[in-house]
Amino acid sequence: MPASRSAPGDRPITRDDIEAKLREMAGGVDEQVQAARPALLTGAAVGVSALVVLAYLLGRRRGRRRSAVVEIRRL
């Protein structure tokens, strides 16, 4: 591959050319992100919910192990 390539028409590559190409490349990625967003949000919500339930259950178990049983008798 040659070290330097010229643009079609043998004109120098300008900043506008680079920006246009980057926008063209990013356009496809943006569409894919927009298409995948609902699935990602659903997965994140399910994951957070699972973590909350797990933390609740582990805390409940730990609380049962640490709590003392007090027996009250009437005389």
C-alpha atoms as a PDB file:
ATOM      1  CA  MET A   1       0.000   0.000   0.000  1.00  0.00           C
ATOM      2  CA  PRO A   2       1.511   3.363  -0.920  1.00  0.00           C
ATOM      3  CA  ALA A   3       2.325   5.768   1.880  1.00  0.00           C
ATOM      4  CA  SER A   4       0.259   8.589   0.409  1.00  0.00           C
ATOM      5  CA  ARG A   5      -2.952   8.319  -1.543  1.00  0.00           C
ATOM      6  CA  SER A   6      -4.626  11.056  -3.455  1.00  0.00           C
ATOM      7  CA  ALA A   7      -8.358  11.590  -3.532  1.00  0.00           C
ATOM      8  CA  PRO A   8     -10.261  11.006  -6.766  1.00  0.00           C
ATOM      9  CA  GLY A   9      -9.566  13.886  -9.086  1.00  0.00           C
ATOM     10  CA  ASP A  10      -6.031  14.430  -7.690  1.00  0.00           C
ATOM     11  CA  ARG A  11      -7.130  17.128  -5.271  1.00  0.00           C
ATOM     12  CA  PRO A  12      -5.855  17.413  -1.701  1.00  0.00           C
ATOM     13  CA  ILE A  13      -7.919  15.916   1.096  1.00  0.00           C
ATOM     14  CA  THR A  14      -9.547  18.671   3.133  1.00  0.00           C
ATOM     15  CA  ARG A  15     -10.951  18.777   6.615  1.00  0.00           C
ATOM     16  CA  ASP A  16     -14.461  18.793   5.143  1.00  0.00           C
ATOM     17  CA  ASP A  17     -13.711  15.527   3.320  1.00  0.00           C
ATOM     18  CA  ILE A  18     -12.596  13.890   6.562  1.00  0.00           C
ATOM     19  CA  GLU A  19     -15.590  15.193   8.519  1.00  0.00           C
ATOM     20  CA  ALA A  20     -17.999  13.977   5.835  1.00  0.00           C
ATOM     21  CA  LYS A  21     -16.467  10.501   5.855  1.00  0.00           C
ATOM     22  CA  LEU A  22     -16.585  10.308   9.670  1.00  0.00           C
ATOM     23  CA  ARG A  23     -20.259  11.377   9.676  1.00  0.00           C
ATOM     24  CA  GLU A  24     -20.989   8.722   7.049  1.00  0.00           C
ATOM     25  CA  MET A  25     -19.293   6.034   9.145  1.00  0.00           C
ATOM     26  CA  ALA A  26     -20.939   7.171  12.393  1.00  0.00           C
ATOM     27  CA  GLY A  27     -24.388   7.218  10.767  1.00  0.00           C
ATOM     28  CA  GLY A  28     -24.476   3.429  10.533  1.00  0.00           C
ATOM     29  CA  VAL A  29     -23.350   3.023  14.116  1.00  0.00           C
ATOM     30  CA  ASP A  30     -25.975   5.469  15.384  1.00  0.00           C
ATOM     31  CA  GLU A  31     -28.719   3.498  13.636  1.00  0.00           C
ATOM     32  CA  GLN A  32     -27.517   0.252  15.213  1.00  0.00           C
ATOM     33  CA  VAL A  33     -27.418   1.849  18.674  1.00  0.00           C
ATOM     34  CA  GLN A  34     -30.954   3.191  18.264  1.00  0.00           C
ATOM     35  CA  ALA A  35     -32.163  -0.257  17.198  1.00  0.00           C
ATOM     36  CA  ALA A  36     -30.493  -2.008  20.158  1.00  0.00           C
ATOM     37  CA  ARG A  37     -31.440   0.566  22.810  1.00  0.00           C
ATOM     38  CA  PRO A  38     -34.794  -0.976  23.922  1.00  0.00           C
ATOM     39  CA  ALA A  39     -33.205  -4.384  24.457  1.00  0.00           C
ATOM     40  CA  LEU A  40     -30.321  -2.852  26.398  1.00  0.00           C
ATOM     41  CA  LEU A  41     -32.650  -0.852  28.634  1.00  0.00           C
ATOM     42  CA  THR A  42     -34.797  -3.908  29.315  1.00  0.00           C
ATOM     43  CA  GLY A  43     -31.731  -5.971  30.161  1.00  0.00           C
ATOM     44  CA  ALA A  44     -30.399  -3.260  32.469  1.00  0.00           C
ATOM     45  CA  ALA A  45     -33.750  -2.989  34.278  1.00  0.00           C
ATOM     46  CA  VAL A  46     -33.918  -6.760  34.780  1.00  0.00           C
ATOM     47  CA  GLY A  47     -30.318  -6.824  36.014  1.00  0.00           C
ATOM     48  CA  VAL A  48     -30.875  -4.036  38.531  1.00  0.00           C
ATOM     49  CA  SER A  49     -34.071  -5.674  39.767  1.00  0.00           C
ATOM     50  CA  ALA A  50     -32.268  -8.990  40.239  1.00  0.00           C
ATOM     51  CA  LEU A  51     -29.520  -7.261  42.232  1.00  0.00           C
ATOM     52  CA  VAL A  52     -32.049  -5.564  44.499  1.00  0.00           C
ATOM     53  CA  VAL A  53     -33.865  -8.842  45.177  1.00  0.00           C
ATOM     54  CA  LEU A  54     -30.576 -10.645  45.819  1.00  0.00           C
ATOM     55  CA  ALA A  55     -29.416  -7.934  48.251  1.00  0.00           C
ATOM     56  CA  TYR A  56     -32.766  -8.113  50.076  1.00  0.00           C
ATOM     57  CA  LEU A  57     -32.628 -11.892  50.415  1.00  0.00           C
ATOM     58  CA  LEU A  58     -29.011 -11.933  51.577  1.00  0.00           C
ATOM     59  CA  GLY A  59     -29.684  -9.161  54.102  1.00  0.00           C
ATOM     60  CA  ARG A  60     -32.734 -10.982  55.407  1.00  0.00           C
ATOM     61  CA  ARG A  61     -30.747 -14.177  55.858  1.00  0.00           C
ATOM     62  CA  ARG A  62     -27.951 -12.376  57.646  1.00  0.00           C
ATOM     63  CA  GLY A  63     -30.438 -10.636  59.917  1.00  0.00           C
ATOM     64  CA  ARG A  64     -31.967 -13.950  60.917  1.00  0.00           C
ATOM     65  CA  ARG A  65     -28.581 -15.394  61.820  1.00  0.00           C
ATOM     66  CA  ARG A  66     -27.578 -12.392  63.927  1.00  0.00           C
ATOM     67  CA  SER A  67     -30.843 -11.822  65.771  1.00  0.00           C
ATOM     68  CA  ALA A  68     -31.128 -13.207  69.269  1.00  0.00           C
ATOM     69  CA  VAL A  69     -34.130 -15.217  70.339  1.00  0.00           C
ATOM     70  CA  VAL A  70     -35.608 -13.793  73.507  1.00  0.00           C
ATOM     71  CA  GLU A  71     -38.042 -15.951  75.423  1.00  0.00           C
ATOM     72  CA  ILE A  72     -40.431 -14.275  77.847  1.00  0.00           C
ATOM     73  CA  ARG A  73     -42.041 -16.349  80.605  1.00  0.00           C
ATOM     74  CA  ARG A  74     -44.724 -15.315  83.015  1.00  0.00           C
ATOM     75  CA  LEU A  75     -44.400 -16.436  86.555  1.00  0.00           C
END
